[in-house]
Amino acid sequence: MNGTEGLAYAALFVLSVTLLLTNQVALATVAIVPLVLTSFKYSFPQNVKKAQRHR
């Protein structure tokens, strides 16, 4: 995750929490969807090399 992605992730988190606290559930849902999708992006390992067997 680079700096821009981290900043966007933090901004979505703050936006969704703020909207939930102000009882705007529909708008909070719109903010939470990309937040969840980006969290799935970093939940799974990427570019994992499989162990090679030496013969």
C-alpha atoms as a PDB file:
ATOM      1  CA  MET A   1       0.000   0.000   0.000  1.00  0.00           C
ATOM      2  CA  ASN A   2       1.517   3.311  -0.997  1.00  0.00           C
ATOM      3  CA  GLY A   3       0.879   6.705   0.585  1.00  0.00           C
ATOM      4  CA  THR A   4      -1.997   7.678  -1.686  1.00  0.00           C
ATOM      5  CA  GLU A   5      -3.859   4.418  -1.105  1.00  0.00           C
ATOM      6  CA  GLY A   6      -3.347   4.704   2.643  1.00  0.00           C
ATOM      7  CA  LEU A   7      -4.666   8.246   2.655  1.00  0.00           C
ATOM      8  CA  ALA A   8      -7.739   7.222   0.647  1.00  0.00           C
ATOM      9  CA  TYR A   9      -8.326   4.260   2.970  1.00  0.00           C
ATOM     10  CA  ALA A  10      -8.118   6.508   6.043  1.00  0.00           C
ATOM     11  CA  ALA A  11     -10.406   9.108   4.453  1.00  0.00           C
ATOM     12  CA  LEU A  12     -13.050   6.478   3.641  1.00  0.00           C
ATOM     13  CA  PHE A  13     -12.855   5.171   7.196  1.00  0.00           C
ATOM     14  CA  VAL A  14     -13.275   8.629   8.732  1.00  0.00           C
ATOM     15  CA  LEU A  15     -16.098   9.472   6.314  1.00  0.00           C
ATOM     16  CA  SER A  16     -18.013   6.274   7.028  1.00  0.00           C
ATOM     17  CA  VAL A  17     -17.681   6.633  10.822  1.00  0.00           C
ATOM     18  CA  THR A  18     -18.736  10.282  10.666  1.00  0.00           C
ATOM     19  CA  LEU A  19     -21.790   9.453   8.564  1.00  0.00           C
ATOM     20  CA  LEU A  20     -22.775   6.643  10.905  1.00  0.00           C
ATOM     21  CA  LEU A  21     -22.503   8.938  13.919  1.00  0.00           C
ATOM     22  CA  THR A  22     -24.740  11.512  12.238  1.00  0.00           C
ATOM     23  CA  ASN A  23     -27.377   8.842  11.462  1.00  0.00           C
ATOM     24  CA  GLN A  24     -26.966   9.014   7.688  1.00  0.00           C
ATOM     25  CA  VAL A  25     -26.962   5.292   7.102  1.00  0.00           C
ATOM     26  CA  ALA A  26     -27.550   5.380   3.331  1.00  0.00           C
ATOM     27  CA  LEU A  27     -24.548   7.611   2.705  1.00  0.00           C
ATOM     28  CA  ALA A  28     -22.439   5.631   5.171  1.00  0.00           C
ATOM     29  CA  THR A  29     -23.223   2.472   3.216  1.00  0.00           C
ATOM     30  CA  VAL A  30     -21.955   4.140   0.044  1.00  0.00           C
ATOM     31  CA  ALA A  31     -18.720   5.006   1.871  1.00  0.00           C
ATOM     32  CA  ILE A  32     -18.330   1.567   3.468  1.00  0.00           C
ATOM     33  CA  VAL A  33     -18.559  -0.438   0.220  1.00  0.00           C
ATOM     34  CA  PRO A  34     -15.234   0.791  -1.271  1.00  0.00           C
ATOM     35  CA  LEU A  35     -13.658   0.555   2.181  1.00  0.00           C
ATOM     36  CA  VAL A  36     -14.566  -3.129   2.402  1.00  0.00           C
ATOM     37  CA  LEU A  37     -13.441  -3.796  -1.158  1.00  0.00           C
ATOM     38  CA  THR A  38     -10.022  -2.262  -0.537  1.00  0.00           C
ATOM     39  CA  SER A  39      -9.636  -4.229   2.676  1.00  0.00           C
ATOM     40  CA  PHE A  40     -10.246  -7.437   0.694  1.00  0.00           C
ATOM     41  CA  LYS A  41      -7.510  -6.383  -1.703  1.00  0.00           C
ATOM     42  CA  TYR A  42      -4.931  -6.454   1.093  1.00  0.00           C
ATOM     43  CA  SER A  43      -6.372  -9.413   2.990  1.00  0.00           C
ATOM     44  CA  PHE A  44      -4.998 -12.034   0.662  1.00  0.00           C
ATOM     45  CA  PRO A  45      -1.310 -12.561  -0.109  1.00  0.00           C
ATOM     46  CA  GLN A  46      -0.148 -11.351  -3.480  1.00  0.00           C
ATOM     47  CA  ASN A  47       2.854 -12.466  -5.526  1.00  0.00           C
ATOM     48  CA  VAL A  48       3.577 -15.427  -3.282  1.00  0.00           C
ATOM     49  CA  LYS A  49       6.211 -17.698  -4.741  1.00  0.00           C
ATOM     50  CA  LYS A  50       5.561 -21.379  -4.365  1.00  0.00           C
ATOM     51  CA  ALA A  51       8.306 -23.504  -2.886  1.00  0.00           C
ATOM     52  CA  GLN A  52      10.306 -25.228  -5.568  1.00  0.00           C
ATOM     53  CA  ARG A  53      11.582 -28.720  -5.097  1.00  0.00           C
ATOM     54  CA  HIS A  54      15.210 -29.382  -5.928  1.00  0.00           C
ATOM     55  CA  ARG A  55      15.830 -32.706  -7.603  1.00  0.00           C
END
